[in-house]
Amino acid sequence: MKKPLLNNSQKNSLQISLRMLEEKILTMEMLIDNKTMTGELYSFYVDLADDEIKKLKDIFIEMHKLIAEMKHIFNFDDQKEFLSNQLAGMSAYYWTILMDETSNKLKRYGDVSPQLENVLDPKIKRFIYYIEQLATIKKGDTNNEQN
């Protein structure tokens, strides 16, 4: 019997790396199509000329082909990702990040204004509430009222 090119750990590592690359390519393709993405604190703009965008899209096409080739060669499985999983992962990640932004935790950067706790912490608590709600959307457990 012929020895496989990759052991299971090597296959998993390569497959995960290629999935991450493909996800980033797909995200950039959506951003290119939308031209801009603007929020309150973050903005994204496509700053490439039409010929540069064409070249980028051509490169992405070739990269998709290469990923497909490698999928076939190494017998990679499709990973189906669902928004509900992304929401659950995002909520855990951002819950942790925002808990480190309360007035008490910001003391690690220096003296904190006595008024900060009353101004910042209620807003952080509201974010935490909404972030916790993200993970429950799929289950239908959310209610639209904030505690």
Protein backbone atom coordinates (compact mmCIF):
# COMPACT_ATOMS: atom_id res chain seq x y z
CA MET A 1 0.00 0.00 0.00
CA LYS A 2 1.27 3.44 -0.96
CA LYS A 3 2.08 5.80 1.92
CA PRO A 4 -0.04 8.99 1.91
CA LEU A 5 1.73 12.27 1.17
CA LEU A 6 0.56 13.78 4.49
CA ASN A 7 -0.15 12.31 7.88
CA ASN A 8 -3.39 13.40 9.58
CA SER A 9 -1.77 16.23 11.53
CA GLN A 10 0.00 17.56 8.45
CA LYS A 11 -3.21 17.31 6.42
CA ASN A 12 -5.19 19.17 9.09
CA SER A 13 -2.57 21.90 9.33
CA LEU A 14 -2.44 22.45 5.57
CA GLN A 15 -6.22 22.31 5.22
CA ILE A 16 -6.76 24.88 7.99
CA SER A 17 -4.19 27.24 6.48
CA LEU A 18 -5.80 26.99 3.05
CA ARG A 19 -9.28 27.54 4.52
CA MET A 20 -8.04 30.68 6.27
CA LEU A 21 -6.46 31.91 3.03
CA GLU A 22 -9.60 31.15 1.05
CA GLU A 23 -11.78 32.94 3.61
CA LYS A 24 -9.58 36.04 3.34
CA ILE A 25 -9.70 35.91 -0.46
CA LEU A 26 -13.50 35.60 -0.40
CA THR A 27 -13.74 38.52 2.02
CA MET A 28 -11.53 40.68 -0.20
CA GLU A 29 -13.61 39.74 -3.24
CA MET A 30 -16.77 40.89 -1.44
CA LEU A 31 -15.06 44.11 -0.41
CA ILE A 32 -13.91 44.76 -3.96
CA ASP A 33 -17.45 44.26 -5.21
CA ASN A 34 -18.86 46.65 -2.58
CA LYS A 35 -16.04 49.22 -3.06
CA THR A 36 -16.48 50.51 0.50
CA MET A 37 -17.52 49.51 3.98
CA THR A 38 -18.16 52.26 6.47
CA GLY A 39 -19.05 52.14 10.14
CA GLU A 40 -18.77 54.60 13.00
CA LEU A 41 -15.11 53.94 13.84
CA TYR A 42 -13.93 51.90 10.88
CA SER A 43 -13.95 52.53 7.15
CA PHE A 44 -12.64 50.44 4.31
CA TYR A 45 -12.16 51.73 0.78
CA VAL A 46 -10.95 50.07 -2.37
CA ASP A 47 -8.07 52.32 -3.39
CA LEU A 48 -6.98 50.41 -6.48
CA ALA A 49 -7.36 51.49 -10.08
CA ASP A 50 -9.54 49.41 -12.39
CA ASP A 51 -6.52 47.73 -14.00
CA GLU A 52 -5.14 46.85 -10.56
CA ILE A 53 -8.51 45.40 -9.51
CA LYS A 54 -8.59 43.32 -12.70
CA LYS A 55 -5.10 42.01 -11.95
CA LEU A 56 -6.10 41.25 -8.35
CA LYS A 57 -9.22 39.38 -9.47
CA ASP A 58 -7.12 37.36 -11.94
CA ILE A 59 -4.73 36.42 -9.13
CA PHE A 60 -7.68 35.41 -6.93
CA ILE A 61 -9.02 33.19 -9.74
CA GLU A 62 -5.66 31.44 -9.96
CA MET A 63 -5.50 31.05 -6.20
CA HIS A 64 -9.00 29.50 -6.16
CA LYS A 65 -7.86 27.06 -8.85
CA LEU A 66 -4.78 26.15 -6.82
CA ILE A 67 -6.87 25.59 -3.71
CA ALA A 68 -9.19 23.34 -5.75
CA GLU A 69 -6.20 21.38 -7.06
CA MET A 70 -4.86 20.88 -3.56
CA LYS A 71 -8.30 19.85 -2.32
CA HIS A 72 -8.33 17.13 -4.97
CA ILE A 73 -4.74 16.00 -4.43
CA PHE A 74 -4.99 15.79 -0.64
CA ASN A 75 -8.66 14.78 -0.45
CA PHE A 76 -9.68 17.73 1.72
CA ASP A 77 -13.22 17.90 3.00
CA ASP A 78 -15.49 20.88 2.55
CA GLN A 79 -16.02 22.83 5.73
CA LYS A 80 -19.46 24.28 5.95
CA GLU A 81 -19.43 27.39 8.11
CA PHE A 82 -22.62 28.90 9.40
CA LEU A 83 -23.37 32.41 10.53
CA SER A 84 -24.60 31.07 13.87
CA ASN A 85 -21.15 29.56 14.52
CA GLN A 86 -19.46 32.82 13.57
CA LEU A 87 -21.77 34.72 15.92
CA ALA A 88 -21.04 32.37 18.80
CA GLY A 89 -17.28 32.60 18.27
CA MET A 90 -17.42 36.34 17.80
CA SER A 91 -19.43 36.83 20.96
CA ALA A 92 -16.96 34.89 23.12
CA TYR A 93 -14.01 36.76 21.62
CA TYR A 94 -15.47 40.24 21.92
CA TRP A 95 -16.92 39.56 25.37
CA THR A 96 -13.35 38.92 26.55
CA ILE A 97 -11.97 41.99 24.80
CA LEU A 98 -14.65 44.35 26.09
CA MET A 99 -14.44 43.08 29.66
CA ASP A 100 -10.85 44.34 29.60
CA GLU A 101 -12.06 47.85 28.72
CA THR A 102 -14.01 48.58 31.89
CA SER A 103 -12.85 51.50 34.02
CA ASN A 104 -11.30 49.17 36.58
CA LYS A 105 -9.26 47.29 33.95
CA LEU A 106 -8.11 50.51 32.25
CA LYS A 107 -6.15 51.32 35.40
CA ARG A 108 -3.36 49.23 33.93
CA TYR A 109 -2.68 52.20 31.63
CA GLY A 110 -2.63 54.81 34.36
CA ASP A 111 -4.89 56.80 36.63
CA VAL A 112 -8.58 56.61 35.77
CA SER A 113 -10.93 59.57 36.05
CA PRO A 114 -13.43 59.15 38.92
CA GLN A 115 -16.28 59.80 36.46
CA LEU A 116 -15.17 57.13 33.99
CA GLU A 117 -16.90 54.26 35.77
CA ASN A 118 -20.30 55.99 35.49
CA VAL A 119 -19.77 56.95 31.84
CA LEU A 120 -17.93 53.96 30.36
CA ASP A 121 -18.98 50.90 32.34
CA PRO A 122 -22.73 51.12 31.58
CA LYS A 123 -21.89 51.32 27.86
CA ILE A 124 -19.56 48.31 28.13
CA LYS A 125 -22.33 46.42 29.95
CA ARG A 126 -24.72 47.22 27.09
CA PHE A 127 -22.19 45.93 24.57
CA ILE A 128 -21.77 42.77 26.64
CA TYR A 129 -25.55 42.30 26.68
CA TYR A 130 -25.76 42.61 22.88
CA ILE A 131 -22.71 40.44 22.34
CA GLU A 132 -24.23 37.70 24.50
CA GLN A 133 -27.38 37.98 22.39
CA LEU A 134 -25.40 37.30 19.20
CA ALA A 135 -24.63 33.75 20.30
CA THR A 136 -28.29 32.98 20.93
CA ILE A 137 -29.78 34.26 17.66
CA LYS A 138 -29.88 30.80 16.04
CA LYS A 139 -31.58 29.27 19.06
CA GLY A 140 -34.22 31.97 19.06
CA ASP A 141 -33.46 32.63 22.73
CA THR A 142 -33.12 36.37 22.44
CA ASN A 143 -35.63 38.86 23.58
CA ASN A 144 -35.48 42.39 22.31
CA GLU A 145 -35.49 44.04 25.69
CA GLN A 146 -32.33 44.91 27.51
CA ASN A 147 -32.19 44.05 31.21
